[in-house]
Amino acid sequence: MKAQALLAALAAGAALQAAAQVAPTVDYTDMWYNPSESGWGISIRQKPPAGGTVDALFAVWYTYDPRATDATSGGSRYVPLWFVMPGGTWVSPTSYQGALYVLTGTPYTQPLAAKAIEQVGTFRFDFSDAGHGTFTYVIAPPAGIPNTNPAFGLPALTGSKSISRQSF
């Protein structure tokens, strides 16, 4: 009798855990952008996490840094800026959210040196179908960070952008 009760409790626990996990409807791995806004985009890689059962996303948002202009363009263009989104949570089969970071490091061609990573905000992807969605972001770097930190001087930004899977 005790064995049956234990098995029933384990089965109920497994069912609750399975119900709590949200799985995505499709694989969103690809390059995403807004066709009417050149110069920025998002690279998304979706894969099952190590030891997990629900797909995780790793994304990189490449855009331009409003803090600095490119001297080689006569000051008319901004320098590149990359935000990384190394994980998050599926809140529905079509919505994923998590933390947004900036980082610095050493190019692979140079000896290993100091690296810095700083959470600067949050993001959310809301996919309307396999090829379209909305990217929402809130950037609010922490106060009092040293000027050696990659988030130093980054302005607070919030917004929402329509994104489409880039066709090749």
N, C-alpha and C. Protein backbone atom coordinates (compact mmCIF):
# COMPACT_ATOMS: atom_id res chain seq x y z
N MET A 1 0.81 -1.19 0.00
CA MET A 1 0.00 0.00 0.00
C MET A 1 0.86 1.26 0.00
N LYS A 2 1.94 1.25 0.82
CA LYS A 2 2.82 2.40 0.86
C LYS A 2 3.51 2.62 -0.48
N ALA A 3 3.86 1.52 -1.16
CA ALA A 3 4.50 1.62 -2.46
C ALA A 3 3.55 2.26 -3.47
N GLN A 4 2.27 1.91 -3.43
CA GLN A 4 1.29 2.50 -4.35
C GLN A 4 1.14 3.99 -4.07
N ALA A 5 1.09 4.37 -2.80
CA ALA A 5 0.96 5.77 -2.45
C ALA A 5 2.18 6.56 -2.91
N LEU A 6 3.37 5.97 -2.75
CA LEU A 6 4.59 6.61 -3.20
C LEU A 6 4.60 6.78 -4.71
N LEU A 7 4.22 5.74 -5.44
CA LEU A 7 4.16 5.82 -6.90
C LEU A 7 3.14 6.87 -7.34
N ALA A 8 2.00 6.93 -6.68
CA ALA A 8 0.98 7.92 -7.03
C ALA A 8 1.50 9.34 -6.78
N ALA A 9 2.21 9.54 -5.68
CA ALA A 9 2.77 10.85 -5.37
C ALA A 9 3.83 11.25 -6.39
N LEU A 10 4.68 10.30 -6.79
CA LEU A 10 5.70 10.59 -7.79
C LEU A 10 5.06 10.92 -9.14
N ALA A 11 4.03 10.18 -9.52
CA ALA A 11 3.34 10.44 -10.78
C ALA A 11 2.68 11.81 -10.77
N ALA A 12 2.05 12.17 -9.65
CA ALA A 12 1.41 13.48 -9.54
C ALA A 12 2.44 14.60 -9.61
N GLY A 13 3.59 14.41 -8.96
CA GLY A 13 4.66 15.41 -9.01
C GLY A 13 5.21 15.58 -10.41
N ALA A 14 5.39 14.48 -11.13
CA ALA A 14 5.88 14.55 -12.51
C ALA A 14 4.87 15.24 -13.40
N ALA A 15 3.59 14.98 -13.20
CA ALA A 15 2.55 15.62 -14.00
C ALA A 15 2.53 17.12 -13.75
N LEU A 16 2.68 17.54 -12.49
CA LEU A 16 2.70 18.96 -12.18
C LEU A 16 3.91 19.64 -12.79
N GLN A 17 5.06 18.99 -12.73
CA GLN A 17 6.27 19.56 -13.32
C GLN A 17 6.12 19.69 -14.82
N ALA A 18 5.59 18.67 -15.49
CA ALA A 18 5.39 18.73 -16.94
C ALA A 18 4.41 19.82 -17.30
N ALA A 19 3.37 20.01 -16.50
CA ALA A 19 2.38 21.04 -16.79
C ALA A 19 2.97 22.43 -16.60
N ALA A 20 3.93 22.59 -15.69
CA ALA A 20 4.52 23.89 -15.42
C ALA A 20 5.49 24.33 -16.52
N GLN A 21 6.04 23.41 -17.28
CA GLN A 21 6.98 23.74 -18.34
C GLN A 21 6.21 24.11 -19.60
N VAL A 22 6.61 25.21 -20.21
CA VAL A 22 6.00 25.66 -21.45
C VAL A 22 6.99 25.37 -22.57
N ALA A 23 6.52 24.75 -23.62
CA ALA A 23 7.38 24.43 -24.76
C ALA A 23 7.02 25.32 -25.94
N PRO A 24 8.01 25.74 -26.73
CA PRO A 24 7.74 26.58 -27.90
C PRO A 24 7.00 25.80 -28.99
N THR A 25 6.30 26.53 -29.84
CA THR A 25 5.53 25.89 -30.90
C THR A 25 6.39 25.55 -32.12
N VAL A 26 7.42 26.34 -32.40
CA VAL A 26 8.31 26.10 -33.55
C VAL A 26 9.74 26.44 -33.15
N ASP A 27 10.67 26.12 -34.03
CA ASP A 27 12.07 26.49 -33.84
C ASP A 27 12.27 27.88 -34.44
N TYR A 28 12.65 28.85 -33.63
CA TYR A 28 12.81 30.23 -34.08
C TYR A 28 14.25 30.57 -34.44
N THR A 29 15.12 29.56 -34.54
CA THR A 29 16.52 29.79 -34.91
C THR A 29 16.58 30.47 -36.27
N ASP A 30 17.20 31.64 -36.31
CA ASP A 30 17.37 32.35 -37.58
C ASP A 30 17.87 33.76 -37.30
N MET A 31 18.00 34.52 -38.37
CA MET A 31 18.30 35.94 -38.28
C MET A 31 16.96 36.68 -38.37
N TRP A 32 16.74 37.64 -37.46
CA TRP A 32 15.50 38.40 -37.40
C TRP A 32 15.82 39.88 -37.52
N TYR A 33 14.93 40.64 -38.16
CA TYR A 33 15.16 42.07 -38.33
C TYR A 33 13.84 42.76 -38.68
N ASN A 34 13.90 44.07 -38.81
CA ASN A 34 12.77 44.84 -39.28
C ASN A 34 13.15 45.35 -40.67
N PRO A 35 12.49 44.89 -41.73
CA PRO A 35 12.89 45.27 -43.09
C PRO A 35 12.90 46.78 -43.35
N SER A 36 12.14 47.54 -42.59
CA SER A 36 12.09 48.99 -42.81
C SER A 36 13.12 49.75 -41.97
N GLU A 37 13.92 49.04 -41.18
CA GLU A 37 14.95 49.68 -40.35
C GLU A 37 16.29 48.97 -40.59
N SER A 38 17.09 49.52 -41.47
CA SER A 38 18.37 48.87 -41.77
C SER A 38 19.38 49.10 -40.66
N GLY A 39 20.34 48.19 -40.56
CA GLY A 39 21.47 48.38 -39.66
C GLY A 39 21.42 47.63 -38.35
N TRP A 40 20.33 46.96 -38.02
CA TRP A 40 20.27 46.22 -36.78
C TRP A 40 19.52 44.92 -37.03
N GLY A 41 19.69 43.99 -36.12
CA GLY A 41 18.98 42.72 -36.21
C GLY A 41 19.25 41.88 -34.98
N ILE A 42 18.65 40.70 -34.99
CA ILE A 42 18.79 39.77 -33.87
C ILE A 42 19.08 38.39 -34.42
N SER A 43 20.10 37.77 -33.88
CA SER A 43 20.43 36.39 -34.22
C SER A 43 19.91 35.50 -33.09
N ILE A 44 19.04 34.55 -33.42
CA ILE A 44 18.47 33.66 -32.41
C ILE A 44 18.92 32.24 -32.69
N ARG A 45 19.37 31.57 -31.66
CA ARG A 45 19.70 30.14 -31.72
C ARG A 45 18.88 29.44 -30.65
N GLN A 46 18.05 28.52 -31.07
CA GLN A 46 17.19 27.78 -30.15
C GLN A 46 17.70 26.36 -30.04
N LYS A 47 17.84 25.88 -28.82
CA LYS A 47 18.30 24.51 -28.62
C LYS A 47 17.81 23.99 -27.28
N PRO A 48 17.71 22.67 -27.16
CA PRO A 48 17.35 22.11 -25.85
C PRO A 48 18.49 22.37 -24.86
N PRO A 49 18.17 22.78 -23.63
CA PRO A 49 19.22 23.01 -22.64
C PRO A 49 19.83 21.70 -22.19
N ALA A 50 21.07 21.76 -21.74
CA ALA A 50 21.75 20.57 -21.23
C ALA A 50 20.97 20.01 -20.05
N GLY A 51 20.53 18.78 -20.17
CA GLY A 51 19.81 18.13 -19.09
C GLY A 51 18.36 18.57 -18.94
N GLY A 52 17.89 19.45 -19.82
CA GLY A 52 16.52 19.96 -19.70
C GLY A 52 15.61 19.39 -20.75
N THR A 53 14.35 19.77 -20.67
CA THR A 53 13.37 19.27 -21.62
C THR A 53 12.70 20.37 -22.42
N VAL A 54 12.94 21.63 -22.08
CA VAL A 54 12.33 22.74 -22.79
C VAL A 54 13.42 23.53 -23.50
N ASP A 55 13.16 23.86 -24.77
CA ASP A 55 14.14 24.60 -25.56
C ASP A 55 14.52 25.92 -24.90
N ALA A 56 15.79 26.29 -25.03
CA ALA A 56 16.29 27.57 -24.56
C ALA A 56 16.69 28.39 -25.78
N LEU A 57 16.67 29.70 -25.64
CA LEU A 57 17.13 30.59 -26.70
C LEU A 57 18.43 31.26 -26.26
N PHE A 58 19.32 31.45 -27.21
CA PHE A 58 20.46 32.33 -27.04
C PHE A 58 20.35 33.32 -28.17
N ALA A 59 20.32 34.61 -27.85
CA ALA A 59 20.14 35.62 -28.89
C ALA A 59 21.18 36.73 -28.73
N VAL A 60 21.52 37.35 -29.85
CA VAL A 60 22.41 38.50 -29.88
C VAL A 60 21.70 39.60 -30.67
N TRP A 61 21.56 40.74 -30.04
CA TRP A 61 20.97 41.91 -30.70
C TRP A 61 22.14 42.79 -31.13
N TYR A 62 22.31 42.96 -32.42
CA TYR A 62 23.37 43.83 -32.92
C TYR A 62 22.73 45.12 -33.42
N THR A 63 23.26 46.21 -32.91
CA THR A 63 22.70 47.52 -33.21
C THR A 63 23.83 48.54 -33.19
N TYR A 64 23.49 49.81 -33.08
CA TYR A 64 24.50 50.85 -33.00
C TYR A 64 24.46 51.52 -31.64
N ASP A 65 25.64 51.85 -31.14
CA ASP A 65 25.81 52.43 -29.81
C ASP A 65 25.56 53.94 -29.88
N PRO A 66 24.50 54.43 -29.21
CA PRO A 66 24.23 55.87 -29.26
C PRO A 66 25.22 56.71 -28.46
N ARG A 67 26.16 56.05 -27.76
CA ARG A 67 27.13 56.78 -26.94
C ARG A 67 28.32 57.29 -27.73
N ALA A 68 28.63 56.67 -28.86
CA ALA A 68 29.88 57.02 -29.53
C ALA A 68 29.71 56.97 -31.04
N THR A 69 30.33 57.92 -31.72
CA THR A 69 30.30 57.93 -33.19
C THR A 69 31.61 57.36 -33.72
N ASP A 70 31.53 56.86 -34.91
CA ASP A 70 32.68 56.26 -35.58
C ASP A 70 33.52 57.37 -36.20
N ALA A 71 34.73 57.55 -35.70
CA ALA A 71 35.61 58.62 -36.19
C ALA A 71 35.94 58.45 -37.66
N THR A 72 35.97 57.22 -38.17
CA THR A 72 36.33 57.00 -39.57
C THR A 72 35.22 57.48 -40.52
N SER A 73 34.03 57.73 -40.00
CA SER A 73 32.93 58.20 -40.85
C SER A 73 32.75 59.71 -40.73
N GLY A 74 33.69 60.38 -40.10
CA GLY A 74 33.54 61.81 -39.89
C GLY A 74 32.53 62.13 -38.80
N GLY A 75 32.26 61.15 -37.96
CA GLY A 75 31.31 61.36 -36.86
C GLY A 75 29.86 61.25 -37.27
N SER A 76 29.60 60.70 -38.46
CA SER A 76 28.21 60.63 -38.93
C SER A 76 27.54 59.28 -38.64
N ARG A 77 28.30 58.32 -38.18
CA ARG A 77 27.73 57.00 -37.90
C ARG A 77 28.13 56.55 -36.49
N TYR A 78 27.26 55.74 -35.89
CA TYR A 78 27.56 55.20 -34.57
C TYR A 78 28.39 53.92 -34.69
N VAL A 79 29.07 53.57 -33.61
CA VAL A 79 29.85 52.34 -33.58
C VAL A 79 28.94 51.16 -33.22
N PRO A 80 29.33 49.95 -33.60
CA PRO A 80 28.49 48.78 -33.30
C PRO A 80 28.38 48.52 -31.80
N LEU A 81 27.25 47.93 -31.42
CA LEU A 81 26.99 47.53 -30.04
C LEU A 81 26.24 46.21 -30.08
N TRP A 82 26.67 45.26 -29.24
CA TRP A 82 26.02 43.96 -29.17
C TRP A 82 25.47 43.75 -27.77
N PHE A 83 24.22 43.32 -27.72
CA PHE A 83 23.60 42.89 -26.47
C PHE A 83 23.41 41.39 -26.56
N VAL A 84 23.65 40.68 -25.48
CA VAL A 84 23.44 39.24 -25.49
C VAL A 84 22.28 38.87 -24.58
N MET A 85 21.57 37.86 -25.00
CA MET A 85 20.43 37.33 -24.26
C MET A 85 20.66 35.84 -24.12
N PRO A 86 21.46 35.43 -23.10
CA PRO A 86 21.91 34.05 -23.00
C PRO A 86 20.90 33.06 -22.42
N GLY A 87 19.72 33.49 -22.14
CA GLY A 87 18.73 32.56 -21.59
C GLY A 87 17.48 33.30 -21.20
N GLY A 88 16.53 32.55 -20.75
CA GLY A 88 15.27 33.14 -20.34
C GLY A 88 14.25 32.06 -20.05
N THR A 89 13.00 32.42 -20.18
CA THR A 89 11.90 31.52 -19.85
C THR A 89 10.80 31.64 -20.90
N TRP A 90 10.27 30.51 -21.31
CA TRP A 90 9.07 30.51 -22.15
C TRP A 90 7.89 30.80 -21.24
N VAL A 91 7.17 31.90 -21.49
CA VAL A 91 6.00 32.24 -20.70
C VAL A 91 4.72 31.77 -21.39
N SER A 92 4.84 31.43 -22.66
CA SER A 92 3.77 30.80 -23.43
C SER A 92 4.48 30.10 -24.59
N PRO A 93 3.78 29.31 -25.39
CA PRO A 93 4.45 28.64 -26.51
C PRO A 93 5.02 29.60 -27.56
N THR A 94 4.62 30.88 -27.50
CA THR A 94 5.11 31.86 -28.48
C THR A 94 5.76 33.08 -27.85
N SER A 95 5.98 33.08 -26.54
CA SER A 95 6.59 34.23 -25.85
C SER A 95 7.75 33.78 -24.98
N TYR A 96 8.87 34.49 -25.10
CA TYR A 96 10.09 34.16 -24.37
C TYR A 96 10.64 35.45 -23.80
N GLN A 97 11.08 35.43 -22.53
CA GLN A 97 11.63 36.64 -21.92
C GLN A 97 12.83 36.31 -21.04
N GLY A 98 13.69 37.32 -20.84
CA GLY A 98 14.86 37.11 -20.01
C GLY A 98 15.65 38.38 -19.81
N ALA A 99 16.88 38.21 -19.34
CA ALA A 99 17.78 39.34 -19.03
C ALA A 99 18.62 39.70 -20.25
N LEU A 100 18.96 40.98 -20.33
CA LEU A 100 19.74 41.54 -21.43
C LEU A 100 21.08 42.02 -20.87
N TYR A 101 22.18 41.68 -21.52
CA TYR A 101 23.52 42.00 -21.01
C TYR A 101 24.37 42.69 -22.07
N VAL A 102 25.34 43.48 -21.64
CA VAL A 102 26.44 43.93 -22.48
C VAL A 102 27.71 43.35 -21.88
N LEU A 103 28.72 43.16 -22.73
CA LEU A 103 29.95 42.57 -22.24
C LEU A 103 31.15 43.04 -23.03
N THR A 104 32.31 42.87 -22.43
CA THR A 104 33.57 43.12 -23.12
C THR A 104 34.44 41.90 -22.91
N GLY A 105 35.40 41.75 -23.77
CA GLY A 105 36.31 40.62 -23.65
C GLY A 105 37.49 40.80 -24.57
N THR A 106 38.26 39.78 -24.68
CA THR A 106 39.45 39.79 -25.51
C THR A 106 39.17 39.06 -26.81
N PRO A 107 39.55 39.63 -27.96
CA PRO A 107 39.39 38.89 -29.22
C PRO A 107 40.14 37.56 -29.15
N TYR A 108 39.64 36.56 -29.82
CA TYR A 108 40.24 35.23 -29.74
C TYR A 108 41.68 35.20 -30.25
N THR A 109 42.10 36.22 -31.00
CA THR A 109 43.46 36.26 -31.53
C THR A 109 44.46 36.83 -30.53
N GLN A 110 43.99 37.29 -29.37
CA GLN A 110 44.87 37.89 -28.38
C GLN A 110 44.86 37.06 -27.10
N PRO A 111 45.92 37.23 -26.26
CA PRO A 111 45.94 36.51 -24.99
C PRO A 111 44.72 36.87 -24.14
N LEU A 112 44.28 35.91 -23.34
CA LEU A 112 43.12 36.11 -22.48
C LEU A 112 43.36 37.26 -21.52
N ALA A 113 42.41 38.16 -21.43
CA ALA A 113 42.51 39.30 -20.51
C ALA A 113 41.18 39.44 -19.77
N ALA A 114 41.06 40.53 -19.05
CA ALA A 114 39.86 40.75 -18.25
C ALA A 114 38.60 40.81 -19.11
N LYS A 115 37.53 40.26 -18.56
CA LYS A 115 36.24 40.30 -19.22
C LYS A 115 35.25 40.92 -18.25
N ALA A 116 34.24 41.55 -18.79
CA ALA A 116 33.20 42.12 -17.95
C ALA A 116 31.84 41.86 -18.59
N ILE A 117 30.86 41.58 -17.77
CA ILE A 117 29.49 41.40 -18.23
C ILE A 117 28.59 42.12 -17.25
N GLU A 118 27.60 42.80 -17.77
CA GLU A 118 26.70 43.56 -16.91
C GLU A 118 25.28 43.44 -17.42
N GLN A 119 24.37 43.06 -16.53
CA GLN A 119 22.96 43.05 -16.92
C GLN A 119 22.51 44.49 -17.02
N VAL A 120 21.90 44.83 -18.15
CA VAL A 120 21.46 46.21 -18.38
C VAL A 120 19.96 46.31 -18.62
N GLY A 121 19.26 45.20 -18.56
CA GLY A 121 17.83 45.28 -18.77
C GLY A 121 17.20 43.93 -19.01
N THR A 122 16.05 43.98 -19.67
CA THR A 122 15.28 42.77 -19.96
C THR A 122 14.80 42.81 -21.41
N PHE A 123 14.37 41.66 -21.89
CA PHE A 123 13.84 41.56 -23.25
C PHE A 123 12.65 40.61 -23.26
N ARG A 124 11.89 40.67 -24.34
CA ARG A 124 10.79 39.73 -24.55
C ARG A 124 10.57 39.58 -26.04
N PHE A 125 10.41 38.33 -26.47
CA PHE A 125 10.01 38.02 -27.84
C PHE A 125 8.58 37.50 -27.80
N ASP A 126 7.71 38.07 -28.61
CA ASP A 126 6.35 37.58 -28.77
C ASP A 126 6.18 37.26 -30.25
N PHE A 127 6.17 35.97 -30.57
CA PHE A 127 6.07 35.53 -31.96
C PHE A 127 4.60 35.35 -32.35
N SER A 128 4.20 35.99 -33.45
CA SER A 128 2.82 35.85 -33.91
C SER A 128 2.66 34.64 -34.82
N ASP A 129 3.75 34.23 -35.47
CA ASP A 129 3.79 33.02 -36.27
C ASP A 129 5.25 32.65 -36.46
N ALA A 130 5.54 31.69 -37.32
CA ALA A 130 6.92 31.21 -37.48
C ALA A 130 7.85 32.23 -38.12
N GLY A 131 7.31 33.29 -38.70
CA GLY A 131 8.15 34.26 -39.39
C GLY A 131 8.01 35.69 -38.93
N HIS A 132 7.19 35.95 -37.91
CA HIS A 132 6.96 37.33 -37.47
C HIS A 132 6.80 37.39 -35.96
N GLY A 133 7.14 38.57 -35.42
CA GLY A 133 6.98 38.74 -33.99
C GLY A 133 7.25 40.16 -33.56
N THR A 134 7.33 40.34 -32.26
CA THR A 134 7.63 41.63 -31.66
C THR A 134 8.75 41.44 -30.65
N PHE A 135 9.73 42.33 -30.72
CA PHE A 135 10.86 42.34 -29.79
C PHE A 135 10.68 43.56 -28.89
N THR A 136 10.57 43.33 -27.60
CA THR A 136 10.40 44.41 -26.63
C THR A 136 11.61 44.41 -25.70
N TYR A 137 12.14 45.61 -25.41
CA TYR A 137 13.33 45.69 -24.58
C TYR A 137 13.22 46.86 -23.61
N VAL A 138 13.86 46.70 -22.47
CA VAL A 138 13.98 47.75 -21.46
C VAL A 138 15.44 47.76 -21.05
N ILE A 139 16.13 48.85 -21.32
CA ILE A 139 17.54 48.99 -20.95
C ILE A 139 17.63 50.06 -19.87
N ALA A 140 18.14 49.67 -18.72
CA ALA A 140 18.29 50.57 -17.58
C ALA A 140 19.55 50.17 -16.81
N PRO A 141 20.73 50.60 -17.28
CA PRO A 141 21.98 50.20 -16.61
C PRO A 141 22.02 50.65 -15.16
N PRO A 142 22.68 49.88 -14.32
CA PRO A 142 22.78 50.26 -12.91
C PRO A 142 23.60 51.53 -12.73
N ALA A 143 23.29 52.28 -11.71
CA ALA A 143 24.01 53.52 -11.42
C ALA A 143 25.34 53.21 -10.73
N GLY A 144 26.27 54.12 -10.87
CA GLY A 144 27.52 54.04 -10.12
C GLY A 144 28.51 53.01 -10.62
N ILE A 145 28.40 52.58 -11.86
CA ILE A 145 29.36 51.60 -12.37
C ILE A 145 30.62 52.32 -12.87
N PRO A 146 31.78 51.69 -12.76
CA PRO A 146 33.02 52.33 -13.20
C PRO A 146 33.08 52.45 -14.71
N ASN A 147 33.89 53.38 -15.19
CA ASN A 147 33.97 53.59 -16.64
C ASN A 147 34.66 52.44 -17.37
N THR A 148 35.17 51.46 -16.65
CA THR A 148 35.73 50.26 -17.29
C THR A 148 34.65 49.22 -17.55
N ASN A 149 33.45 49.44 -17.03
CA ASN A 149 32.34 48.51 -17.19
C ASN A 149 31.71 48.72 -18.57
N PRO A 150 31.33 47.65 -19.27
CA PRO A 150 30.77 47.82 -20.61
C PRO A 150 29.44 48.57 -20.63
N ALA A 151 28.76 48.69 -19.50
CA ALA A 151 27.48 49.40 -19.46
C ALA A 151 27.65 50.88 -19.11
N PHE A 152 28.88 51.30 -18.84
CA PHE A 152 29.12 52.69 -18.44
C PHE A 152 28.60 53.66 -19.50
N GLY A 153 27.77 54.59 -19.07
CA GLY A 153 27.28 55.62 -19.97
C GLY A 153 26.17 55.18 -20.91
N LEU A 154 25.75 53.95 -20.84
CA LEU A 154 24.68 53.48 -21.72
C LEU A 154 23.37 54.14 -21.30
N PRO A 155 22.68 54.79 -22.22
CA PRO A 155 21.44 55.48 -21.84
C PRO A 155 20.29 54.49 -21.60
N ALA A 156 19.32 54.92 -20.81
CA ALA A 156 18.12 54.12 -20.62
C ALA A 156 17.31 54.16 -21.92
N LEU A 157 16.89 53.01 -22.37
CA LEU A 157 16.12 52.90 -23.60
C LEU A 157 15.02 51.88 -23.40
N THR A 158 13.86 52.15 -23.91
CA THR A 158 12.79 51.15 -23.94
C THR A 158 12.14 51.22 -25.30
N GLY A 159 11.62 50.11 -25.73
CA GLY A 159 10.96 50.11 -27.01
C GLY A 159 10.41 48.76 -27.39
N SER A 160 9.76 48.76 -28.52
CA SER A 160 9.16 47.56 -29.06
C SER A 160 9.30 47.64 -30.57
N LYS A 161 9.79 46.58 -31.18
CA LYS A 161 10.02 46.57 -32.62
C LYS A 161 9.40 45.33 -33.25
N SER A 162 8.80 45.52 -34.38
CA SER A 162 8.33 44.37 -35.16
C SER A 162 9.55 43.69 -35.76
N ILE A 163 9.56 42.37 -35.73
CA ILE A 163 10.66 41.63 -36.33
C ILE A 163 10.12 40.56 -37.27
N SER A 164 10.93 40.29 -38.29
CA SER A 164 10.59 39.25 -39.27
C SER A 164 11.79 38.34 -39.46
N ARG A 165 11.50 37.10 -39.74
CA ARG A 165 12.56 36.15 -40.07
C ARG A 165 13.18 36.60 -41.38
N GLN A 166 14.49 36.71 -41.42
CA GLN A 166 15.16 37.17 -42.62
C GLN A 166 15.17 36.06 -43.65
N SER A 167 14.70 36.38 -44.83
CA SER A 167 14.68 35.36 -45.89
C SER A 167 16.01 35.37 -46.63
N PHE A 168 16.49 34.18 -46.93
CA PHE A 168 17.76 34.04 -47.66
C PHE A 168 17.50 33.34 -48.97
